[in-house]
Every structure is written in structure tokens, then in C-alpha cells.
Protein backbone atom coordinates (compact mmCIF):
# COMPACT_ATOMS: atom_id res chain seq x y z
CA UNK A 1 0.28 -0.33 0.22
CA UNK A 2 1.56 3.45 -1.27
CA UNK A 3 1.94 4.87 2.68
CA UNK A 4 1.22 9.08 3.14
CA UNK A 5 3.99 11.72 1.99
CA UNK A 6 1.64 14.37 3.87
CA UNK A 7 3.61 17.98 3.11
CA UNK A 8 0.73 19.73 5.42
CA UNK A 9 2.11 21.30 7.23
CA UNK A 10 0.53 20.48 8.12
CA UNK A 11 0.46 21.49 11.31
CA UNK A 12 -0.47 21.01 14.74
CA UNK A 13 -0.80 20.11 21.49
CA UNK A 14 -2.72 17.54 22.79
CA UNK A 15 -5.71 17.49 23.43
CA UNK A 16 -7.62 19.95 25.67
CA UNK A 17 -4.88 22.19 24.20
CA UNK A 18 -3.00 24.45 27.03
CA UNK A 19 -1.52 26.57 24.36
CA UNK A 20 -0.57 30.26 24.22
CA UNK A 21 -2.78 32.92 23.56
CA UNK A 22 -2.87 35.82 21.23
CA UNK A 23 -4.22 39.03 20.39
CA UNK A 24 -5.77 37.15 17.81
CA UNK A 25 -9.07 34.88 18.02
CA UNK A 26 -9.54 33.39 15.05
CA UNK A 27 -5.76 32.59 15.10
CA UNK A 28 -6.22 30.91 18.61
CA UNK A 29 -9.14 28.87 17.22
CA UNK A 30 -7.41 28.07 14.52
CA UNK A 31 -4.25 26.50 16.68
CA UNK A 32 -6.88 24.53 18.91
CA UNK A 33 -8.91 22.50 16.15
CA UNK A 34 -5.85 21.06 13.99
CA UNK A 35 -3.92 20.64 17.07
CA UNK A 36 -4.31 16.48 19.04
CA UNK A 37 -4.02 13.02 17.56
CA UNK A 38 -5.74 11.92 14.93
CA UNK A 39 -5.95 8.64 13.00
CA UNK A 40 -7.50 7.51 9.39
CA UNK A 41 -7.98 4.02 10.90
CA UNK A 42 -11.47 4.35 10.16
CA UNK A 43 -10.88 5.39 6.57
CA UNK A 44 -8.30 2.45 5.50
CA UNK A 45 -11.05 -0.17 7.33
CA UNK A 46 -13.61 1.55 3.85
CA UNK A 47 -11.95 2.65 1.14
CA UNK A 48 -8.92 0.28 0.40
CA UNK A 49 -5.82 1.53 -0.33
CA UNK A 50 -5.51 3.96 2.65
CA UNK A 51 -2.92 2.78 4.84
CA UNK A 52 -4.44 3.22 8.97
CA UNK A 53 -2.22 6.52 10.02
CA UNK A 54 -1.39 8.23 12.93
CA UNK A 55 -1.02 12.38 13.14
CA UNK A 56 0.29 13.02 15.75
CA UNK A 57 0.44 17.03 16.78
CA UNK A 58 2.26 18.85 19.42
CA UNK A 59 3.18 22.67 20.84
CA UNK A 60 6.93 22.86 21.43
CA UNK A 61 8.45 26.18 22.20
CA UNK A 62 6.03 27.74 24.15
CA UNK A 63 8.68 30.69 25.56
CA UNK A 64 9.27 31.06 22.05
CA UNK A 65 7.17 33.24 20.26
CA UNK A 66 4.61 32.31 18.15
CA UNK A 67 2.71 28.79 17.59
CA UNK A 68 4.82 26.37 17.38
CA UNK A 69 4.89 22.74 16.50
CA UNK A 70 6.14 19.01 16.08
CA UNK A 71 4.24 17.12 13.88
CA UNK A 72 4.79 13.52 12.98
CA UNK A 73 3.09 10.28 11.63
CA UNK A 74 3.29 7.41 11.73
CA UNK A 75 1.40 2.86 11.50
CA UNK A 76 -1.00 3.03 13.93
CA UNK A 77 0.30 -0.91 14.54
CA UNK A 78 4.11 0.13 14.72
CA UNK A 79 4.63 4.16 16.35
CA UNK A 80 8.74 3.13 15.20
CA UNK A 81 7.27 2.89 12.10
CA UNK A 82 7.86 6.73 11.43
CA UNK A 83 6.56 7.56 7.52
CA UNK A 84 7.32 11.71 8.25
CA UNK A 85 8.04 14.27 10.66
CA UNK A 86 8.35 18.44 10.93
CA UNK A 87 8.37 21.12 12.74
CA UNK A 88 5.39 23.68 12.28
CA UNK A 89 5.42 27.00 12.62
CA UNK A 90 1.81 28.95 11.94
CA UNK A 91 0.78 33.15 11.89
CA UNK A 92 -1.26 35.51 10.55
CA UNK A 93 -0.11 36.13 6.93
CA UNK A 94 -3.28 38.98 6.29
CA UNK A 95 -6.89 39.60 7.21
CA UNK A 96 -8.10 36.66 5.34
CA UNK A 97 -4.83 34.49 5.54
CA UNK A 98 -3.17 31.85 8.41
CA UNK A 99 0.15 29.65 7.27
CA UNK A 100 1.50 27.22 7.99
CA UNK A 101 5.20 26.68 7.19
CA UNK A 102 7.21 23.41 7.30
CA UNK A 103 10.67 23.16 8.84
CA UNK A 104 12.74 19.87 8.03
CA UNK A 105 14.70 18.08 11.48
CA UNK A 106 17.97 17.44 11.42
CA UNK A 107 19.31 14.34 13.19
CA UNK A 108 15.27 13.18 12.81
CA UNK A 109 15.72 9.47 13.95
CA UNK A 110 16.90 11.02 17.17
CA UNK A 111 13.02 12.76 18.05
CA UNK A 112 11.10 9.74 16.78
CA UNK A 113 8.27 9.26 19.06
CA UNK A 114 9.40 12.70 21.20
CA UNK A 115 4.99 13.61 21.59
CA UNK A 116 6.06 11.96 24.54
CA UNK A 117 8.40 14.62 25.54
CA UNK A 118 8.84 17.42 23.94
CA UNK A 119 10.47 19.20 26.14
CA UNK A 120 13.55 17.37 24.27
CA UNK A 121 13.48 20.55 21.52
CA UNK A 122 14.45 22.78 24.25
CA UNK A 123 17.57 22.74 22.88
CA UNK A 124 16.84 22.80 19.12
CA UNK A 125 17.15 26.28 17.50
CA UNK A 126 14.98 27.85 14.74
CA UNK A 127 18.68 27.98 12.92
CA UNK A 128 19.41 24.19 12.98
CA UNK A 129 16.44 23.82 10.63
CA UNK A 130 15.79 23.27 7.18
CA UNK A 131 12.90 25.68 5.56
CA UNK A 132 10.79 24.13 2.74
CA UNK A 133 10.98 26.68 0.15
CA UNK A 134 8.03 27.19 -1.46
CA UNK A 135 5.67 24.57 0.62
CA UNK A 136 3.59 27.05 2.92
CA UNK A 137 -0.02 26.58 3.46
CA UNK A 138 -1.96 29.55 3.05
CA UNK A 139 -5.71 28.95 5.13
CA UNK A 140 -8.90 31.00 5.21
CA UNK A 141 -11.77 30.16 7.16
CA UNK A 142 -15.23 29.27 5.16
CA UNK A 143 -17.39 28.65 8.60
CA UNK A 144 -16.76 28.72 11.48
CA UNK A 145 -15.17 24.93 12.02
CA UNK A 146 -14.62 24.66 9.10
CA UNK A 147 -10.41 26.24 7.48
CA UNK A 148 -9.35 25.45 4.20
CA UNK A 149 -5.62 25.68 2.70
CA UNK A 150 -4.28 25.25 -0.07
CA UNK A 151 -0.11 25.30 -0.98
CA UNK A 152 0.83 27.46 -3.58
CA UNK A 153 0.85 25.79 -7.51
CA UNK A 154 4.09 24.63 -8.17
CA UNK A 155 6.19 26.19 -5.50
CA UNK A 156 7.21 23.18 -3.50
CA UNK A 157 9.89 21.36 -5.27
CA UNK A 158 10.60 17.57 -4.14
CA UNK A 159 12.92 15.67 -3.17
CA UNK A 160 10.62 12.28 -2.99
CA UNK A 161 11.51 11.17 -6.58
CA UNK A 162 13.47 12.32 -9.35
CA UNK A 163 9.84 11.64 -11.61
CA UNK A 164 7.96 14.60 -8.93
CA UNK A 165 9.09 18.49 -10.78
CA UNK A 166 6.86 19.45 -7.34
CA UNK A 167 3.84 18.43 -5.20
CA UNK A 168 0.98 20.12 -3.83
CA UNK A 169 -1.30 20.33 -0.94
CA UNK A 170 -5.31 20.82 -0.44
CA UNK A 171 -6.32 20.44 3.32
CA UNK A 172 -9.93 20.85 5.46
CA UNK A 173 -9.74 21.37 9.25
CA UNK A 174 -12.86 21.22 11.23
CA UNK A 175 -12.96 20.20 14.73
CA UNK A 176 -13.03 16.55 14.28
CA UNK A 177 -11.16 15.83 11.62
CA UNK A 178 -8.16 16.84 9.01
CA UNK A 179 -8.73 15.67 5.44
CA UNK A 180 -5.38 16.27 3.24
CA UNK A 181 -5.33 15.53 -0.26
CA UNK A 182 -1.32 15.58 -0.98
CA UNK A 183 0.13 14.65 -5.36
CA UNK A 184 2.44 15.22 -6.71
CA UNK A 185 3.50 16.41 -10.98
CA UNK A 186 5.91 15.89 -12.91
CA UNK A 187 7.37 18.64 -15.49
CA UNK A 188 4.13 18.12 -17.96
CA UNK A 189 1.46 19.00 -14.77
CA UNK A 190 1.08 15.61 -14.86
CA UNK A 191 -0.25 13.68 -11.63
CA UNK A 192 2.84 10.84 -11.31
CA UNK A 193 2.29 10.31 -7.77
CA UNK A 194 -0.47 10.62 -4.64
CA UNK A 195 -3.92 9.10 -4.74
CA UNK A 196 -6.24 9.26 -7.42
CA UNK A 197 -9.26 9.47 -5.44
CA UNK A 198 -9.32 11.60 -2.51
CA UNK A 199 -7.77 12.85 -0.50
CA UNK A 200 -6.10 10.93 3.20
CA UNK A 201 -8.86 11.57 5.99
CA UNK A 202 -7.39 11.35 10.26
CA UNK A 203 -9.94 11.84 13.03
CA UNK A 204 -9.63 13.08 16.10
CA UNK A 205 -8.16 10.49 18.71
CA UNK A 206 -10.67 11.25 21.70
CA UNK A 207 -8.97 8.49 23.79
CA UNK A 208 -5.55 6.43 23.85
CA UNK A 209 -6.49 3.64 21.18
């Protein structure tokens, strides 16, 4: 089965969300609803070709300016089988737009399952991270509880495969669900990677399984 290579942001504090407060109510709300633990287990039972993947998003650097998160995706049955790790920065762009910027972590294996103890990131500096240029996801509020975001077309280059010229992400976030559709395209604009039928759907884990 194809494993997800999520760009997202994606994005994301444990349930209950003891996050920082800003003077931006919408930004605070956005952070709350993307924060926590999510799983595509239910989708994997109903739709062929989708793996059961856990998406964990936890806040780090609470004493530093802005919203910063550690994001990890791993196999639902084996949390040491990690698909992706990122540091995510969430910020206000303009009056109607919020963005997520993702960074590559050095020595990633050192931080596997660090959602169990995010204090390990305290010694990590922003300067040690590598920004994923052109891969920001830009979100706009669609309803009181739904945000829709996407990358700009053709700007997020990929080293995932030589056949992929660029990747795109389309993400919808609601109170208890994150849908993420990541696709890769060649130089002619033809999709050569990612799901054809639709996004991965991650539901919030209300209780640990």
C-alpha cells in the first residue's frame, strides 16, 4: 500500500490544548482545532488503498514567540514506523489568511516519538532547521469551524522522487477531522504520485487505543 508523504503542513498540542493566547481570536481557534492526535484508521477500514496512519501534533517552544509544533506521522500499529516528521510554524499572513510553514528536522531519528516528551526540542534552535521553501499552506476560514488551505501551484519542489517536479497539498480542517490530499506532478503537469480518488481523512482520537 502507498504510504502518505504528507506536506502539511500540516500543522499541530494535546487534546484539551493548553496553548498560548494571542490577541488574534481566529488564529487561536485555528491552532486549537488542528491540535491533538488524529488517525486514518476508520478510513482504512472502508476504503481500499488507504493505510491506517496516526497524525500527532504537539506544541513546542511555548516560551518562544509564535505557535510552533512538532508533527509526526506513523503506522497505527507500530509507532516506530515513522513516515514523516516536521516542525511547523503557524502564523497570520493577512486579515483573512493563516499559513503553516514546515521545517525539516536535523537528525530526525533522534526525535522519533518525541511527542511523548516535547521538552527534547528545547535545545533545538530555529537556525538548525531547514525550511521547505515554497511549501507553505495558506488557509482561509470557510465557516465558523472549517478552514480550507492549499499550497501555491508549482512552488513546492520535491526530492521524494526524480519523476516529481513539484507537489501540492489541499487540506480541510474542522473540529475533529483533518483531510489532506497530497499529490505530485511531473514537468508536464501530469499527476505521477499521490491518491487519485481523494484525500486521507484523519479523525481526532478522543481516547488512546
